[in-house]
Amino acid sequence: MRMLSTLAAAALVAVATQASAETYTPDPGHTNVRASWTHVGFSRQQLNFRTVTGTVELDKDDLNSAKIDMTIDTSSLDTGVSALDEHLKSADFFDADEYGEAHFVSTSVEPTSDTTATVTGDLTIKDETHPVTLDVTLNAMGEHPLGQFMDFYKGDWIGVTATGTIKRSDWGLDMMVPAISDEIDLFISVEMKAE
């Protein structure tokens, strides 16, 4: 009888744990994925990726169990200069016609405070996969303040900012290195809604 009670209790804990995890998806209007680099020492340039999809699975009581799976449409890149956009989408860089996507999947989340964490994951670009580390800040979690004005914002939300640095040559995007910097700084800001 005691064994049955223990098994029942364990099952209830497992169900409760599963129920406390939420799945969040990006709000396209408030998602910003930016990459910036040094242009031959004269200026700092940047691009934005306009189309980002994916999910974050998050348990508010166990942030280090978070799972992140995000996809960037590389053809959605935008520098504000159409000729540069087309060159970056070409086979010299992202080869967006052939590959089309960059994909990030987290492998570990290590909290560094109540609202910050170091997130490590695998980033795939052009069929090359390498680890990336991001410094992530949880800006807000809970009901969205705009929910009182617009139905779209009702429900559970999270707001996250992340930064990191990668070497583009790791993914074969090495044209004009080092005149145009190999190191690319990433800045990500996203509002995500619970499904």
C-alpha atoms as a PDB file:
ATOM      1  CA  MET A   1       0.000   0.000   0.000  1.00  0.00           C
ATOM      2  CA  ARG A   2       2.836   2.373   0.887  1.00  0.00           C
ATOM      3  CA  MET A   3       4.466   1.676  -2.512  1.00  0.00           C
ATOM      4  CA  LEU A   4       1.215   2.536  -4.309  1.00  0.00           C
ATOM      5  CA  SER A   5       0.946   5.795  -2.365  1.00  0.00           C
ATOM      6  CA  THR A   6       4.540   6.682  -3.220  1.00  0.00           C
ATOM      7  CA  LEU A   7       3.983   5.948  -6.910  1.00  0.00           C
ATOM      8  CA  ALA A   8       0.779   8.010  -6.926  1.00  0.00           C
ATOM      9  CA  ALA A   9       2.554  10.923  -5.256  1.00  0.00           C
ATOM     10  CA  ALA A  10       5.416  10.722  -7.761  1.00  0.00           C
ATOM     11  CA  ALA A  11       2.928  10.715 -10.628  1.00  0.00           C
ATOM     12  CA  LEU A  12       1.186  13.799  -9.228  1.00  0.00           C
ATOM     13  CA  VAL A  13       4.503  15.628  -8.876  1.00  0.00           C
ATOM     14  CA  ALA A  14       5.414  14.734 -12.463  1.00  0.00           C
ATOM     15  CA  VAL A  15       2.052  15.994 -13.756  1.00  0.00           C
ATOM     16  CA  ALA A  16       2.359  19.195 -11.719  1.00  0.00           C
ATOM     17  CA  THR A  17       5.867  19.789 -13.051  1.00  0.00           C
ATOM     18  CA  GLN A  18       4.756  19.296 -16.642  1.00  0.00           C
ATOM     19  CA  ALA A  19       1.756  21.565 -16.117  1.00  0.00           C
ATOM     20  CA  SER A  20       3.908  24.411 -14.809  1.00  0.00           C
ATOM     21  CA  ALA A  21       5.973  24.637 -18.012  1.00  0.00           C
ATOM     22  CA  GLU A  22       4.669  27.024 -20.662  1.00  0.00           C
ATOM     23  CA  THR A  23       5.530  27.279 -24.348  1.00  0.00           C
ATOM     24  CA  TYR A  24       6.123  30.795 -25.677  1.00  0.00           C
ATOM     25  CA  THR A  25       6.343  32.010 -29.271  1.00  0.00           C
ATOM     26  CA  PRO A  26       7.749  35.319 -30.584  1.00  0.00           C
ATOM     27  CA  ASP A  27       5.575  38.346 -31.279  1.00  0.00           C
ATOM     28  CA  PRO A  28       6.727  39.286 -34.823  1.00  0.00           C
ATOM     29  CA  GLY A  29       6.111  42.974 -34.182  1.00  0.00           C
ATOM     30  CA  HIS A  30       8.391  43.028 -31.146  1.00  0.00           C
ATOM     31  CA  THR A  31      11.227  40.690 -32.100  1.00  0.00           C
ATOM     32  CA  ASN A  32      14.598  42.148 -33.000  1.00  0.00           C
ATOM     33  CA  VAL A  33      17.594  39.991 -33.991  1.00  0.00           C
ATOM     34  CA  ARG A  34      20.516  42.215 -34.938  1.00  0.00           C
ATOM     35  CA  ALA A  35      24.073  41.444 -36.052  1.00  0.00           C
ATOM     36  CA  SER A  36      26.774  44.120 -36.184  1.00  0.00           C
ATOM     37  CA  TRP A  37      30.368  44.238 -37.378  1.00  0.00           C
ATOM     38  CA  THR A  38      33.281  46.574 -38.118  1.00  0.00           C
ATOM     39  CA  HIS A  39      33.623  47.719 -41.732  1.00  0.00           C
ATOM     40  CA  VAL A  40      37.343  48.112 -42.591  1.00  0.00           C
ATOM     41  CA  GLY A  41      37.886  50.074 -39.395  1.00  0.00           C
ATOM     42  CA  PHE A  42      35.901  53.044 -40.698  1.00  0.00           C
ATOM     43  CA  SER A  43      32.414  52.326 -39.364  1.00  0.00           C
ATOM     44  CA  ARG A  44      30.185  49.883 -37.569  1.00  0.00           C
ATOM     45  CA  GLN A  45      27.461  48.289 -39.700  1.00  0.00           C
ATOM     46  CA  GLN A  46      24.450  46.180 -38.806  1.00  0.00           C
ATOM     47  CA  LEU A  47      21.601  44.121 -40.154  1.00  0.00           C
ATOM     48  CA  ASN A  48      18.279  42.974 -38.767  1.00  0.00           C
ATOM     49  CA  PHE A  49      16.565  39.671 -39.417  1.00  0.00           C
ATOM     50  CA  ARG A  50      12.866  40.391 -39.893  1.00  0.00           C
ATOM     51  CA  THR A  51      11.434  36.860 -39.672  1.00  0.00           C
ATOM     52  CA  VAL A  52      12.074  34.790 -36.540  1.00  0.00           C
ATOM     53  CA  THR A  53      10.012  31.799 -35.429  1.00  0.00           C
ATOM     54  CA  GLY A  54      10.300  29.110 -32.784  1.00  0.00           C
ATOM     55  CA  THR A  55       9.534  28.306 -29.173  1.00  0.00           C
ATOM     56  CA  VAL A  56      10.801  28.731 -25.650  1.00  0.00           C
ATOM     57  CA  GLU A  57       9.649  26.180 -23.088  1.00  0.00           C
ATOM     58  CA  LEU A  58       9.852  27.774 -19.663  1.00  0.00           C
ATOM     59  CA  ASP A  59       8.970  26.720 -16.129  1.00  0.00           C
ATOM     60  CA  LYS A  60       8.749  29.857 -13.985  1.00  0.00           C
ATOM     61  CA  ASP A  61       9.903  27.870 -10.942  1.00  0.00           C
ATOM     62  CA  ASP A  62      12.821  26.206 -12.714  1.00  0.00           C
ATOM     63  CA  LEU A  63      14.389  28.633 -15.193  1.00  0.00           C
ATOM     64  CA  ASN A  64      17.448  26.455 -15.820  1.00  0.00           C
ATOM     65  CA  SER A  65      15.193  23.824 -17.414  1.00  0.00           C
ATOM     66  CA  ALA A  66      14.261  26.243 -20.218  1.00  0.00           C
ATOM     67  CA  LYS A  67      14.467  24.916 -23.776  1.00  0.00           C
ATOM     68  CA  ILE A  68      14.960  27.260 -26.714  1.00  0.00           C
ATOM     69  CA  ASP A  69      14.427  26.367 -30.371  1.00  0.00           C
ATOM     70  CA  MET A  70      14.505  29.329 -32.754  1.00  0.00           C
ATOM     71  CA  THR A  71      14.720  29.671 -36.532  1.00  0.00           C
ATOM     72  CA  ILE A  72      15.763  32.764 -38.482  1.00  0.00           C
ATOM     73  CA  ASP A  73      14.769  33.229 -42.118  1.00  0.00           C
ATOM     74  CA  THR A  74      18.088  34.455 -43.563  1.00  0.00           C
ATOM     75  CA  SER A  75      16.342  35.866 -46.631  1.00  0.00           C
ATOM     76  CA  SER A  76      14.588  38.316 -44.288  1.00  0.00           C
ATOM     77  CA  LEU A  77      17.841  40.154 -43.508  1.00  0.00           C
ATOM     78  CA  ASP A  78      17.686  43.916 -43.878  1.00  0.00           C
ATOM     79  CA  THR A  79      20.602  46.356 -43.770  1.00  0.00           C
ATOM     80  CA  GLY A  80      18.666  49.267 -45.249  1.00  0.00           C
ATOM     81  CA  VAL A  81      20.745  49.007 -48.448  1.00  0.00           C
ATOM     82  CA  SER A  82      19.178  46.721 -51.058  1.00  0.00           C
ATOM     83  CA  ALA A  83      22.426  46.002 -52.933  1.00  0.00           C
ATOM     84  CA  LEU A  84      24.138  44.944 -49.695  1.00  0.00           C
ATOM     85  CA  ASP A  85      21.114  42.834 -48.744  1.00  0.00           C
ATOM     86  CA  GLU A  86      21.355  40.932 -52.018  1.00  0.00           C
ATOM     87  CA  HIS A  87      25.092  40.362 -51.593  1.00  0.00           C
ATOM     88  CA  LEU A  88      24.646  39.041 -48.037  1.00  0.00           C
ATOM     89  CA  LYS A  89      21.887  36.694 -49.235  1.00  0.00           C
ATOM     90  CA  SER A  90      24.143  35.388 -52.047  1.00  0.00           C
ATOM     91  CA  ALA A  91      26.427  32.334 -51.981  1.00  0.00           C
ATOM     92  CA  ASP A  92      29.270  34.622 -50.834  1.00  0.00           C
ATOM     93  CA  PHE A  93      27.593  34.760 -47.436  1.00  0.00           C
ATOM     94  CA  PHE A  94      24.281  33.190 -46.294  1.00  0.00           C
ATOM     95  CA  ASP A  95      23.318  31.556 -49.622  1.00  0.00           C
ATOM     96  CA  ALA A  96      19.674  32.107 -48.679  1.00  0.00           C
ATOM     97  CA  ASP A  97      18.337  30.449 -51.843  1.00  0.00           C
ATOM     98  CA  GLU A  98      20.115  27.182 -51.014  1.00  0.00           C
ATOM     99  CA  TYR A  99      19.857  27.109 -47.211  1.00  0.00           C
ATOM    100  CA  GLY A 100      17.312  29.727 -46.186  1.00  0.00           C
ATOM    101  CA  GLU A 101      17.495  29.334 -42.415  1.00  0.00           C
ATOM    102  CA  ALA A 102      19.706  29.719 -39.389  1.00  0.00           C
ATOM    103  CA  HIS A 103      18.680  27.481 -36.494  1.00  0.00           C
ATOM    104  CA  PHE A 104      19.520  27.744 -32.772  1.00  0.00           C
ATOM    105  CA  VAL A 105      18.770  25.012 -30.226  1.00  0.00           C
ATOM    106  CA  SER A 106      19.793  25.438 -26.597  1.00  0.00           C
ATOM    107  CA  THR A 107      21.874  22.743 -24.911  1.00  0.00           C
ATOM    108  CA  SER A 108      22.181  24.291 -21.426  1.00  0.00           C
ATOM    109  CA  VAL A 109      20.821  27.163 -19.358  1.00  0.00           C
ATOM    110  CA  GLU A 110      22.832  28.266 -16.324  1.00  0.00           C
ATOM    111  CA  PRO A 111      21.191  30.959 -14.165  1.00  0.00           C
ATOM    112  CA  THR A 112      23.570  33.686 -12.993  1.00  0.00           C
ATOM    113  CA  SER A 113      20.949  35.587 -10.962  1.00  0.00           C
ATOM    114  CA  ASP A 114      17.170  35.678 -10.516  1.00  0.00           C
ATOM    115  CA  THR A 115      16.786  37.322 -13.930  1.00  0.00           C
ATOM    116  CA  THR A 116      19.943  36.433 -15.886  1.00  0.00           C
ATOM    117  CA  ALA A 117      21.433  33.281 -17.358  1.00  0.00           C
ATOM    118  CA  THR A 118      24.171  32.003 -19.614  1.00  0.00           C
ATOM    119  CA  VAL A 119      22.568  30.064 -22.457  1.00  0.00           C
ATOM    120  CA  THR A 120      24.650  27.730 -24.595  1.00  0.00           C
ATOM    121  CA  GLY A 121      23.317  26.164 -27.754  1.00  0.00           C
ATOM    122  CA  ASP A 122      24.037  24.903 -31.245  1.00  0.00           C
ATOM    123  CA  LEU A 123      23.750  27.390 -34.099  1.00  0.00           C
ATOM    124  CA  THR A 124      23.423  25.978 -37.601  1.00  0.00           C
ATOM    125  CA  ILE A 125      24.083  28.136 -40.660  1.00  0.00           C
ATOM    126  CA  LYS A 126      24.601  26.640 -44.146  1.00  0.00           C
ATOM    127  CA  ASP A 127      24.663  23.106 -42.658  1.00  0.00           C
ATOM    128  CA  GLU A 128      27.557  24.058 -40.339  1.00  0.00           C
ATOM    129  CA  THR A 129      26.810  23.680 -36.617  1.00  0.00           C
ATOM    130  CA  HIS A 130      28.867  25.253 -33.840  1.00  0.00           C
ATOM    131  CA  PRO A 131      28.235  26.130 -30.187  1.00  0.00           C
ATOM    132  CA  VAL A 132      27.238  29.677 -29.249  1.00  0.00           C
ATOM    133  CA  THR A 133      26.993  31.247 -25.797  1.00  0.00           C
ATOM    134  CA  LEU A 134      24.547  34.058 -25.052  1.00  0.00           C
ATOM    135  CA  ASP A 135      24.128  36.268 -22.006  1.00  0.00           C
ATOM    136  CA  VAL A 136      20.379  36.403 -21.436  1.00  0.00           C
ATOM    137  CA  THR A 137      18.288  38.742 -19.294  1.00  0.00           C
ATOM    138  CA  LEU A 138      14.659  38.064 -18.437  1.00  0.00           C
ATOM    139  CA  ASN A 139      13.195  41.582 -18.618  1.00  0.00           C
ATOM    140  CA  ALA A 140       9.627  40.761 -17.639  1.00  0.00           C
ATOM    141  CA  MET A 141       7.328  37.818 -17.071  1.00  0.00           C
ATOM    142  CA  GLY A 142       3.577  37.614 -16.530  1.00  0.00           C
ATOM    143  CA  GLU A 143       0.564  39.541 -17.782  1.00  0.00           C
ATOM    144  CA  HIS A 144       1.347  42.061 -20.499  1.00  0.00           C
ATOM    145  CA  PRO A 145       0.461  45.658 -19.499  1.00  0.00           C
ATOM    146  CA  LEU A 146      -1.161  46.219 -22.914  1.00  0.00           C
ATOM    147  CA  GLY A 147      -3.601  43.367 -22.286  1.00  0.00           C
ATOM    148  CA  GLN A 148      -5.998  45.867 -20.732  1.00  0.00           C
ATOM    149  CA  PHE A 149      -6.221  47.666 -24.090  1.00  0.00           C
ATOM    150  CA  MET A 150      -5.863  44.960 -26.761  1.00  0.00           C
ATOM    151  CA  ASP A 151      -6.973  41.324 -26.782  1.00  0.00           C
ATOM    152  CA  PHE A 152      -3.783  40.207 -28.550  1.00  0.00           C
ATOM    153  CA  TYR A 153      -1.783  41.050 -25.430  1.00  0.00           C
ATOM    154  CA  LYS A 154      -3.979  39.155 -22.970  1.00  0.00           C
ATOM    155  CA  GLY A 155      -2.364  36.148 -21.309  1.00  0.00           C
ATOM    156  CA  ASP A 156       1.114  35.205 -20.160  1.00  0.00           C
ATOM    157  CA  TRP A 157       4.182  36.856 -21.695  1.00  0.00           C
ATOM    158  CA  ILE A 158       7.946  37.011 -21.284  1.00  0.00           C
ATOM    159  CA  GLY A 159      10.375  39.671 -22.483  1.00  0.00           C
ATOM    160  CA  VAL A 160      13.995  38.660 -23.062  1.00  0.00           C
ATOM    161  CA  THR A 161      17.221  40.365 -24.146  1.00  0.00           C
ATOM    162  CA  ALA A 162      20.320  38.414 -25.202  1.00  0.00           C
ATOM    163  CA  THR A 163      23.814  39.337 -26.364  1.00  0.00           C
ATOM    164  CA  GLY A 164      26.782  37.371 -27.649  1.00  0.00           C
ATOM    165  CA  THR A 165      29.682  37.336 -30.093  1.00  0.00           C
ATOM    166  CA  ILE A 166      30.440  34.793 -32.803  1.00  0.00           C
ATOM    167  CA  LYS A 167      33.077  34.375 -35.516  1.00  0.00           C
ATOM    168  CA  ARG A 168      31.383  34.265 -38.913  1.00  0.00           C
ATOM    169  CA  SER A 169      34.259  32.276 -40.404  1.00  0.00           C
ATOM    170  CA  ASP A 170      33.198  29.291 -38.268  1.00  0.00           C
ATOM    171  CA  TRP A 171      30.190  28.959 -40.591  1.00  0.00           C
ATOM    172  CA  GLY A 172      32.086  29.594 -43.831  1.00  0.00           C
ATOM    173  CA  LEU A 173      30.985  33.241 -44.000  1.00  0.00           C
ATOM    174  CA  ASP A 174      34.578  34.406 -44.273  1.00  0.00           C
ATOM    175  CA  MET A 175      34.605  36.632 -47.334  1.00  0.00           C
ATOM    176  CA  MET A 176      36.771  39.759 -46.791  1.00  0.00           C
ATOM    177  CA  VAL A 177      38.028  38.702 -43.330  1.00  0.00           C
ATOM    178  CA  PRO A 178      39.822  40.471 -41.640  1.00  0.00           C
ATOM    179  CA  ALA A 179      39.143  43.753 -43.491  1.00  0.00           C
ATOM    180  CA  ILE A 180      35.514  43.281 -42.534  1.00  0.00           C
ATOM    181  CA  SER A 181      35.541  41.903 -39.004  1.00  0.00           C
ATOM    182  CA  ASP A 182      35.278  38.196 -38.370  1.00  0.00           C
ATOM    183  CA  GLU A 183      33.668  38.877 -34.998  1.00  0.00           C
ATOM    184  CA  ILE A 184      29.945  39.548 -35.178  1.00  0.00           C
ATOM    185  CA  ASP A 185      28.116  41.001 -32.192  1.00  0.00           C
ATOM    186  CA  LEU A 186      24.590  39.727 -31.670  1.00  0.00           C
ATOM    187  CA  PHE A 187      21.776  41.605 -29.979  1.00  0.00           C
ATOM    188  CA  ILE A 188      18.382  39.934 -29.519  1.00  0.00           C
ATOM    189  CA  SER A 189      15.297  41.458 -27.968  1.00  0.00           C
ATOM    190  CA  VAL A 190      11.992  39.610 -28.045  1.00  0.00           C
ATOM    191  CA  GLU A 191       8.542  39.602 -26.516  1.00  0.00           C
ATOM    192  CA  MET A 192       6.992  36.131 -26.439  1.00  0.00           C
ATOM    193  CA  LYS A 193       3.433  35.021 -25.760  1.00  0.00           C
ATOM    194  CA  ALA A 194       2.338  31.786 -24.100  1.00  0.00           C
ATOM    195  CA  GLU A 195       0.510  29.492 -26.496  1.00  0.00           C
END
